[in-house]
Amino acid sequence: MASPVNKRTAGARGFWASIARIFVVEVLVLVALSGAIVGYLNWSSEVAFAEFLAASQQTAASSPVIHAITERRPCERGAMARLHGSA
């Protein structure tokens, strides 16, 4: 029959071994999640940058239309008077 001291020592070793295994598994899970998050952020920033470039190229292609709309044209005399309320 084994003595109670030997049983406690064997039980303590098994306890700490299981704690170490759990710790290693937790670290591996955290590393995997960190890698997944970094990969997602990298992917999403590339997609956002591509959309930004596409929008800027579209704006550059349509810039003559924008300038034509924003040009100021001389107002008629009656329109200016109505605007200021003197007519």
PDB file of N, CA and C in Angstrom:
ATOM      1  N   MET A   1       0.827  -1.179   0.000  1.00  0.00           N
ATOM      2  CA  MET A   1       0.000   0.000   0.000  1.00  0.00           C
ATOM      3  C   MET A   1       0.877   1.251   0.000  1.00  0.00           C
ATOM      4  N   ALA A   2       0.533   2.261  -0.848  1.00  0.00           N
ATOM      5  CA  ALA A   2       1.316   3.489  -0.950  1.00  0.00           C
ATOM      6  C   ALA A   2       1.009   4.392   0.225  1.00  0.00           C
ATOM      7  N   SER A   3       2.028   5.121   0.616  1.00  0.00           N
ATOM      8  CA  SER A   3       1.823   6.026   1.755  1.00  0.00           C
ATOM      9  C   SER A   3       1.061   7.256   1.297  1.00  0.00           C
ATOM     10  N   PRO A   4       0.369   7.939   2.234  1.00  0.00           N
ATOM     11  CA  PRO A   4      -0.385   9.151   1.866  1.00  0.00           C
ATOM     12  C   PRO A   4       0.502  10.264   1.316  1.00  0.00           C
ATOM     13  N   VAL A   5       1.748  10.332   1.722  1.00  0.00           N
ATOM     14  CA  VAL A   5       2.660  11.365   1.217  1.00  0.00           C
ATOM     15  C   VAL A   5       2.935  11.138  -0.267  1.00  0.00           C
ATOM     16  N   ASN A   6       3.144   9.901  -0.676  1.00  0.00           N
ATOM     17  CA  ASN A   6       3.393   9.596  -2.087  1.00  0.00           C
ATOM     18  C   ASN A   6       2.177   9.896  -2.940  1.00  0.00           C
ATOM     19  N   LYS A   7       0.982   9.636  -2.406  1.00  0.00           N
ATOM     20  CA  LYS A   7      -0.248   9.937  -3.164  1.00  0.00           C
ATOM     21  C   LYS A   7      -0.398  11.437  -3.377  1.00  0.00           C
ATOM     22  N   ARG A   8      -0.102  12.224  -2.348  1.00  0.00           N
ATOM     23  CA  ARG A   8      -0.216  13.675  -2.475  1.00  0.00           C
ATOM     24  C   ARG A   8       0.798  14.216  -3.482  1.00  0.00           C
ATOM     25  N   THR A   9       1.999  13.717  -3.464  1.00  0.00           N
ATOM     26  CA  THR A   9       3.032  14.176  -4.395  1.00  0.00           C
ATOM     27  C   THR A   9       2.664  13.831  -5.828  1.00  0.00           C
ATOM     28  N   ALA A  10       2.166  12.649  -6.060  1.00  0.00           N
ATOM     29  CA  ALA A  10       1.752  12.246  -7.401  1.00  0.00           C
ATOM     30  C   ALA A  10       0.556  13.071  -7.856  1.00  0.00           C
ATOM     31  N   GLY A  11      -0.383  13.346  -6.957  1.00  0.00           N
ATOM     32  CA  GLY A  11      -1.551  14.165  -7.299  1.00  0.00           C
ATOM     33  C   GLY A  11      -1.163  15.599  -7.600  1.00  0.00           C
ATOM     34  N   ALA A  12      -0.195  16.149  -6.863  1.00  0.00           N
ATOM     35  CA  ALA A  12       0.255  17.526  -7.092  1.00  0.00           C
ATOM     36  C   ALA A  12       0.958  17.641  -8.435  1.00  0.00           C
ATOM     37  N   ARG A  13       1.754  16.638  -8.788  1.00  0.00           N
ATOM     38  CA  ARG A  13       2.431  16.670 -10.092  1.00  0.00           C
ATOM     39  C   ARG A  13       1.420  16.634 -11.236  1.00  0.00           C
ATOM     40  N   GLY A  14       0.414  15.800 -11.098  1.00  0.00           N
ATOM     41  CA  GLY A  14      -0.623  15.725 -12.129  1.00  0.00           C
ATOM     42  C   GLY A  14      -1.422  17.005 -12.221  1.00  0.00           C
ATOM     43  N   PHE A  15      -1.651  17.650 -11.079  1.00  0.00           N
ATOM     44  CA  PHE A  15      -2.392  18.913 -11.046  1.00  0.00           C
ATOM     45  C   PHE A  15      -1.619  19.984 -11.802  1.00  0.00           C
ATOM     46  N   TRP A  16      -0.319  20.139 -11.509  1.00  0.00           N
ATOM     47  CA  TRP A  16       0.472  21.172 -12.153  1.00  0.00           C
ATOM     48  C   TRP A  16       0.699  20.872 -13.638  1.00  0.00           C
ATOM     49  N   ALA A  17       0.763  19.611 -13.985  1.00  0.00           N
ATOM     50  CA  ALA A  17       0.903  19.253 -15.393  1.00  0.00           C
ATOM     51  C   ALA A  17      -0.353  19.634 -16.172  1.00  0.00           C
ATOM     52  N   SER A  18      -1.516  19.415 -15.574  1.00  0.00           N
ATOM     53  CA  SER A  18      -2.752  19.798 -16.260  1.00  0.00           C
ATOM     54  C   SER A  18      -2.882  21.316 -16.332  1.00  0.00           C
ATOM     55  N   ILE A  19      -2.428  22.046 -15.311  1.00  0.00           N
ATOM     56  CA  ILE A  19      -2.436  23.516 -15.355  1.00  0.00           C
ATOM     57  C   ILE A  19      -1.526  23.998 -16.487  1.00  0.00           C
ATOM     58  N   ALA A  20      -0.365  23.389 -16.632  1.00  0.00           N
ATOM     59  CA  ALA A  20       0.566  23.778 -17.694  1.00  0.00           C
ATOM     60  C   ALA A  20      -0.035  23.505 -19.064  1.00  0.00           C
ATOM     61  N   ARG A  21      -0.701  22.363 -19.233  1.00  0.00           N
ATOM     62  CA  ARG A  21      -1.344  22.059 -20.519  1.00  0.00           C
ATOM     63  C   ARG A  21      -2.428  23.079 -20.848  1.00  0.00           C
ATOM     64  N   ILE A  22      -3.231  23.415 -19.856  1.00  0.00           N
ATOM     65  CA  ILE A  22      -4.291  24.415 -20.079  1.00  0.00           C
ATOM     66  C   ILE A  22      -3.676  25.750 -20.467  1.00  0.00           C
ATOM     67  N   PHE A  23      -2.611  26.142 -19.791  1.00  0.00           N
ATOM     68  CA  PHE A  23      -1.945  27.403 -20.093  1.00  0.00           C
ATOM     69  C   PHE A  23      -1.416  27.411 -21.529  1.00  0.00           C
ATOM     70  N   VAL A  24      -0.794  26.330 -21.950  1.00  0.00           N
ATOM     71  CA  VAL A  24      -0.252  26.237 -23.312  1.00  0.00           C
ATOM     72  C   VAL A  24      -1.384  26.320 -24.339  1.00  0.00           C
ATOM     73  N   VAL A  25      -2.494  25.648 -24.082  1.00  0.00           N
ATOM     74  CA  VAL A  25      -3.634  25.689 -25.001  1.00  0.00           C
ATOM     75  C   VAL A  25      -4.197  27.106 -25.079  1.00  0.00           C
ATOM     76  N   GLU A  26      -4.306  27.788 -23.930  1.00  0.00           N
ATOM     77  CA  GLU A  26      -4.817  29.160 -23.929  1.00  0.00           C
ATOM     78  C   GLU A  26      -3.903  30.090 -24.722  1.00  0.00           C
ATOM     79  N   VAL A  27      -2.599  29.929 -24.564  1.00  0.00           N
ATOM     80  CA  VAL A  27      -1.654  30.769 -25.306  1.00  0.00           C
ATOM     81  C   VAL A  27      -1.786  30.499 -26.806  1.00  0.00           C
ATOM     82  N   LEU A  28      -1.908  29.242 -27.193  1.00  0.00           N
ATOM     83  CA  LEU A  28      -2.064  28.917 -28.614  1.00  0.00           C
ATOM     84  C   LEU A  28      -3.351  29.502 -29.190  1.00  0.00           C
ATOM     85  N   VAL A  29      -4.430  29.447 -28.415  1.00  0.00           N
ATOM     86  CA  VAL A  29      -5.698  30.028 -28.874  1.00  0.00           C
ATOM     87  C   VAL A  29      -5.568  31.538 -29.024  1.00  0.00           C
ATOM     88  N   LEU A  30      -4.909  32.187 -28.066  1.00  0.00           N
ATOM     89  CA  LEU A  30      -4.731  33.638 -28.173  1.00  0.00           C
ATOM     90  C   LEU A  30      -3.854  34.018 -29.361  1.00  0.00           C
ATOM     91  N   VAL A  31      -2.820  33.244 -29.639  1.00  0.00           N
ATOM     92  CA  VAL A  31      -1.972  33.519 -30.804  1.00  0.00           C
ATOM     93  C   VAL A  31      -2.772  33.333 -32.089  1.00  0.00           C
ATOM     94  N   ALA A  32      -3.595  32.296 -32.148  1.00  0.00           N
ATOM     95  CA  ALA A  32      -4.414  32.064 -33.343  1.00  0.00           C
ATOM     96  C   ALA A  32      -5.421  33.194 -33.540  1.00  0.00           C
ATOM     97  N   LEU A  33      -6.071  33.619 -32.464  1.00  0.00           N
ATOM     98  CA  LEU A  33      -7.030  34.722 -32.578  1.00  0.00           C
ATOM     99  C   LEU A  33      -6.334  36.021 -32.981  1.00  0.00           C
ATOM    100  N   SER A  34      -5.168  36.274 -32.411  1.00  0.00           N
ATOM    101  CA  SER A  34      -4.424  37.485 -32.782  1.00  0.00           C
ATOM    102  C   SER A  34      -4.056  37.457 -34.260  1.00  0.00           C
ATOM    103  N   GLY A  35      -3.623  36.314 -34.742  1.00  0.00           N
ATOM    104  CA  GLY A  35      -3.292  36.193 -36.163  1.00  0.00           C
ATOM    105  C   GLY A  35      -4.505  36.411 -37.039  1.00  0.00           C
ATOM    106  N   ALA A  36      -5.644  35.878 -36.624  1.00  0.00           N
ATOM    107  CA  ALA A  36      -6.872  36.062 -37.404  1.00  0.00           C
ATOM    108  C   ALA A  36      -7.292  37.531 -37.417  1.00  0.00           C
ATOM    109  N   ILE A  37      -7.167  38.204 -36.293  1.00  0.00           N
ATOM    110  CA  ILE A  37      -7.554  39.614 -36.224  1.00  0.00           C
ATOM    111  C   ILE A  37      -6.623  40.461 -37.082  1.00  0.00           C
ATOM    112  N   VAL A  38      -5.323  40.213 -36.996  1.00  0.00           N
ATOM    113  CA  VAL A  38      -4.369  40.969 -37.805  1.00  0.00           C
ATOM    114  C   VAL A  38      -4.614  40.714 -39.302  1.00  0.00           C
ATOM    115  N   GLY A  39      -4.880  39.474 -39.655  1.00  0.00           N
ATOM    116  CA  GLY A  39      -5.177  39.152 -41.052  1.00  0.00           C
ATOM    117  C   GLY A  39      -6.430  39.855 -41.549  1.00  0.00           C
ATOM    118  N   TYR A  40      -7.467  39.881 -40.714  1.00  0.00           N
ATOM    119  CA  TYR A  40      -8.708  40.557 -41.107  1.00  0.00           C
ATOM    120  C   TYR A  40      -8.485  42.061 -41.266  1.00  0.00           C
ATOM    121  N   LEU A  41      -7.766  42.669 -40.324  1.00  0.00           N
ATOM    122  CA  LEU A  41      -7.518  44.107 -40.424  1.00  0.00           C
ATOM    123  C   LEU A  41      -6.689  44.433 -41.661  1.00  0.00           C
ATOM    124  N   ASN A  42      -5.730  43.605 -41.973  1.00  0.00           N
ATOM    125  CA  ASN A  42      -4.922  43.812 -43.169  1.00  0.00           C
ATOM    126  C   ASN A  42      -5.784  43.698 -44.424  1.00  0.00           C
ATOM    127  N   TRP A  43      -6.610  42.675 -44.475  1.00  0.00           N
ATOM    128  CA  TRP A  43      -7.492  42.475 -45.635  1.00  0.00           C
ATOM    129  C   TRP A  43      -8.464  43.638 -45.780  1.00  0.00           C
ATOM    130  N   SER A  44      -9.100  44.046 -44.671  1.00  0.00           N
ATOM    131  CA  SER A  44     -10.109  45.101 -44.772  1.00  0.00           C
ATOM    132  C   SER A  44      -9.483  46.441 -45.133  1.00  0.00           C
ATOM    133  N   SER A  45      -8.270  46.702 -44.662  1.00  0.00           N
ATOM    134  CA  SER A  45      -7.634  47.967 -45.043  1.00  0.00           C
ATOM    135  C   SER A  45      -7.253  47.964 -46.517  1.00  0.00           C
ATOM    136  N   GLU A  46      -6.853  46.816 -47.051  1.00  0.00           N
ATOM    137  CA  GLU A  46      -6.558  46.733 -48.483  1.00  0.00           C
ATOM    138  C   GLU A  46      -7.816  46.961 -49.312  1.00  0.00           C
ATOM    139  N   VAL A  47      -8.935  46.410 -48.869  1.00  0.00           N
ATOM    140  CA  VAL A  47     -10.203  46.598 -49.583  1.00  0.00           C
ATOM    141  C   VAL A  47     -10.627  48.061 -49.522  1.00  0.00           C
ATOM    142  N   ALA A  48     -10.505  48.665 -48.349  1.00  0.00           N
ATOM    143  CA  ALA A  48     -10.885  50.072 -48.202  1.00  0.00           C
ATOM    144  C   ALA A  48      -9.993  50.967 -49.060  1.00  0.00           C
ATOM    145  N   PHE A  49      -8.710  50.660 -49.114  1.00  0.00           N
ATOM    146  CA  PHE A  49      -7.798  51.454 -49.936  1.00  0.00           C
ATOM    147  C   PHE A  49      -8.122  51.304 -51.417  1.00  0.00           C
ATOM    148  N   ALA A  50      -8.470  50.097 -51.828  1.00  0.00           N
ATOM    149  CA  ALA A  50      -8.844  49.874 -53.230  1.00  0.00           C
ATOM    150  C   ALA A  50     -10.118  50.651 -53.576  1.00  0.00           C
ATOM    151  N   GLU A  51     -11.084  50.670 -52.659  1.00  0.00           N
ATOM    152  CA  GLU A  51     -12.308  51.449 -52.897  1.00  0.00           C
ATOM    153  C   GLU A  51     -11.994  52.936 -52.965  1.00  0.00           C
ATOM    154  N   PHE A  52     -11.085  53.397 -52.108  1.00  0.00           N
ATOM    155  CA  PHE A  52     -10.692  54.800 -52.120  1.00  0.00           C
ATOM    156  C   PHE A  52     -10.044  55.167 -53.449  1.00  0.00           C
ATOM    157  N   LEU A  53      -9.140  54.313 -53.931  1.00  0.00           N
ATOM    158  CA  LEU A  53      -8.495  54.588 -55.212  1.00  0.00           C
ATOM    159  C   LEU A  53      -9.500  54.590 -56.354  1.00  0.00           C
ATOM    160  N   ALA A  54     -10.451  53.650 -56.324  1.00  0.00           N
ATOM    161  CA  ALA A  54     -11.459  53.600 -57.381  1.00  0.00           C
ATOM    162  C   ALA A  54     -12.319  54.862 -57.358  1.00  0.00           C
ATOM    163  N   ALA A  55     -12.679  55.322 -56.169  1.00  0.00           N
ATOM    164  CA  ALA A  55     -13.497  56.533 -56.067  1.00  0.00           C
ATOM    165  C   ALA A  55     -12.720  57.759 -56.513  1.00  0.00           C
ATOM    166  N   SER A  56     -11.445  57.833 -56.182  1.00  0.00           N
ATOM    167  CA  SER A  56     -10.655  58.991 -56.601  1.00  0.00           C
ATOM    168  C   SER A  56     -10.425  58.989 -58.107  1.00  0.00           C
ATOM    169  N   GLN A  57     -10.267  57.816 -58.704  1.00  0.00           N
ATOM    170  CA  GLN A  57     -10.112  57.744 -60.154  1.00  0.00           C
ATOM    171  C   GLN A  57     -11.406  58.119 -60.857  1.00  0.00           C
ATOM    172  N   GLN A  58     -12.526  57.727 -60.279  1.00  0.00           N
ATOM    173  CA  GLN A  58     -13.821  58.080 -60.859  1.00  0.00           C
ATOM    174  C   GLN A  58     -14.039  59.585 -60.773  1.00  0.00           C
ATOM    175  N   THR A  59     -13.648  60.190 -59.659  1.00  0.00           N
ATOM    176  CA  THR A  59     -13.785  61.628 -59.495  1.00  0.00           C
ATOM    177  C   THR A  59     -12.881  62.366 -60.474  1.00  0.00           C
ATOM    178  N   ALA A  60     -11.682  61.858 -60.664  1.00  0.00           N
ATOM    179  CA  ALA A  60     -10.750  62.497 -61.603  1.00  0.00           C
ATOM    180  C   ALA A  60     -11.281  62.412 -63.031  1.00  0.00           C
ATOM    181  N   ALA A  61     -11.941  61.327 -63.367  1.00  0.00           N
ATOM    182  CA  ALA A  61     -12.485  61.172 -64.713  1.00  0.00           C
ATOM    183  C   ALA A  61     -13.668  62.100 -64.948  1.00  0.00           C
ATOM    184  N   SER A  62     -14.426  62.392 -63.906  1.00  0.00           N
ATOM    185  CA  SER A  62     -15.611  63.232 -64.069  1.00  0.00           C
ATOM    186  C   SER A  62     -15.359  64.667 -63.639  1.00  0.00           C
ATOM    187  N   SER A  63     -14.134  65.085 -63.484  1.00  0.00           N
ATOM    188  CA  SER A  63     -13.845  66.434 -63.012  1.00  0.00           C
ATOM    189  C   SER A  63     -14.317  67.536 -63.958  1.00  0.00           C
ATOM    190  N   PRO A  64     -14.298  67.398 -65.300  1.00  0.00           N
ATOM    191  CA  PRO A  64     -14.823  68.483 -66.139  1.00  0.00           C
ATOM    192  C   PRO A  64     -16.301  68.766 -65.853  1.00  0.00           C
ATOM    193  N   VAL A  65     -17.061  67.744 -65.559  1.00  0.00           N
ATOM    194  CA  VAL A  65     -18.478  67.948 -65.251  1.00  0.00           C
ATOM    195  C   VAL A  65     -18.614  68.723 -63.951  1.00  0.00           C
ATOM    196  N   ILE A  66     -17.795  68.393 -62.972  1.00  0.00           N
ATOM    197  CA  ILE A  66     -17.859  69.094 -61.687  1.00  0.00           C
ATOM    198  C   ILE A  66     -17.501  70.562 -61.874  1.00  0.00           C
ATOM    199  N   HIS A  67     -16.487  70.858 -62.668  1.00  0.00           N
ATOM    200  CA  HIS A  67     -16.111  72.246 -62.894  1.00  0.00           C
ATOM    201  C   HIS A  67     -17.197  72.985 -63.655  1.00  0.00           C
ATOM    202  N   ALA A  68     -17.872  72.332 -64.566  1.00  0.00           N
ATOM    203  CA  ALA A  68     -18.936  72.999 -65.308  1.00  0.00           C
ATOM    204  C   ALA A  68     -20.101  73.343 -64.395  1.00  0.00           C
ATOM    205  N   ILE A  69     -20.385  72.503 -63.443  1.00  0.00           N
ATOM    206  CA  ILE A  69     -21.496  72.766 -62.526  1.00  0.00           C
ATOM    207  C   ILE A  69     -21.142  73.868 -61.545  1.00  0.00           C
ATOM    208  N   THR A  70     -19.909  73.908 -61.085  1.00  0.00           N
ATOM    209  CA  THR A  70     -19.536  74.878 -60.054  1.00  0.00           C
ATOM    210  C   THR A  70     -19.133  76.236 -60.604  1.00  0.00           C
ATOM    211  N   GLU A  71     -19.084  76.397 -61.909  1.00  0.00           N
ATOM    212  CA  GLU A  71     -18.742  77.705 -62.462  1.00  0.00           C
ATOM    213  C   GLU A  71     -19.822  78.708 -62.096  1.00  0.00           C
ATOM    214  N   ARG A  72     -19.375  79.911 -61.791  1.00  0.00           N
ATOM    215  CA  ARG A  72     -20.341  80.973 -61.482  1.00  0.00           C
ATOM    216  C   ARG A  72     -20.707  81.689 -62.779  1.00  0.00           C
ATOM    217  N   ARG A  73     -21.970  81.844 -62.953  1.00  0.00           N
ATOM    218  CA  ARG A  73     -22.452  82.558 -64.134  1.00  0.00           C
ATOM    219  C   ARG A  73     -23.029  83.889 -63.664  1.00  0.00           C
ATOM    220  N   PRO A  74     -22.905  84.886 -64.484  1.00  0.00           N
ATOM    221  CA  PRO A  74     -23.446  86.192 -64.074  1.00  0.00           C
ATOM    222  C   PRO A  74     -24.968  86.125 -63.928  1.00  0.00           C
ATOM    223  N   CYS A  75     -25.443  86.656 -62.842  1.00  0.00           N
ATOM    224  CA  CYS A  75     -26.889  86.654 -62.580  1.00  0.00           C
ATOM    225  C   CYS A  75     -27.548  87.803 -63.332  1.00  0.00           C
ATOM    226  N   GLU A  76     -28.799  87.606 -63.619  1.00  0.00           N
ATOM    227  CA  GLU A  76     -29.546  88.689 -64.256  1.00  0.00           C
ATOM    228  C   GLU A  76     -29.832  89.757 -63.206  1.00  0.00           C
ATOM    229  N   ARG A  77     -30.063  90.929 -63.650  1.00  0.00           N
ATOM    230  CA  ARG A  77     -30.283  92.045 -62.742  1.00  0.00           C
ATOM    231  C   ARG A  77     -31.534  91.835 -61.895  1.00  0.00           C
ATOM    232  N   GLY A  78     -32.567  91.313 -62.469  1.00  0.00           N
ATOM    233  CA  GLY A  78     -33.805  91.105 -61.722  1.00  0.00           C
ATOM    234  C   GLY A  78     -33.652  90.028 -60.665  1.00  0.00           C
ATOM    235  N   ALA A  79     -32.873  89.019 -60.968  1.00  0.00           N
ATOM    236  CA  ALA A  79     -32.660  87.947 -60.004  1.00  0.00           C
ATOM    237  C   ALA A  79     -31.894  88.464 -58.797  1.00  0.00           C
ATOM    238  N   MET A  80     -30.915  89.306 -59.014  1.00  0.00           N
ATOM    239  CA  MET A  80     -30.139  89.863 -57.898  1.00  0.00           C
ATOM    240  C   MET A  80     -31.014  90.774 -57.050  1.00  0.00           C
ATOM    241  N   ALA A  81     -31.874  91.535 -57.708  1.00  0.00           N
ATOM    242  CA  ALA A  81     -32.741  92.444 -56.949  1.00  0.00           C
ATOM    243  C   ALA A  81     -33.736  91.637 -56.114  1.00  0.00           C
ATOM    244  N   ARG A  82     -34.306  90.576 -56.663  1.00  0.00           N
ATOM    245  CA  ARG A  82     -35.226  89.735 -55.909  1.00  0.00           C
ATOM    246  C   ARG A  82     -34.516  89.039 -54.746  1.00  0.00           C
ATOM    247  N   LEU A  83     -33.261  88.681 -54.948  1.00  0.00           N
ATOM    248  CA  LEU A  83     -32.498  88.020 -53.910  1.00  0.00           C
ATOM    249  C   LEU A  83     -32.302  88.932 -52.706  1.00  0.00           C
ATOM    250  N   HIS A  84     -32.064  90.186 -52.965  1.00  0.00           N
ATOM    251  CA  HIS A  84     -31.826  91.133 -51.875  1.00  0.00           C
ATOM    252  C   HIS A  84     -33.114  91.796 -51.399  1.00  0.00           C
ATOM    253  N   GLY A  85     -34.214  91.517 -51.991  1.00  0.00           N
ATOM    254  CA  GLY A  85     -35.511  92.001 -51.542  1.00  0.00           C
ATOM    255  C   GLY A  85     -35.817  93.450 -51.914  1.00  0.00           C
ATOM    256  N   SER A  86     -35.135  93.993 -52.876  1.00  0.00           N
ATOM    257  CA  SER A  86     -35.376  95.384 -53.243  1.00  0.00           C
ATOM    258  C   SER A  86     -36.351  95.517 -54.409  1.00  0.00           C
ATOM    259  N   ALA A  87     -36.795  94.426 -54.970  1.00  0.00           N
ATOM    260  CA  ALA A  87     -37.692  94.525 -56.116  1.00  0.00           C
ATOM    261  C   ALA A  87     -39.126  94.415 -55.698  1.00  0.00           C
TER     262      ALA A  87
END
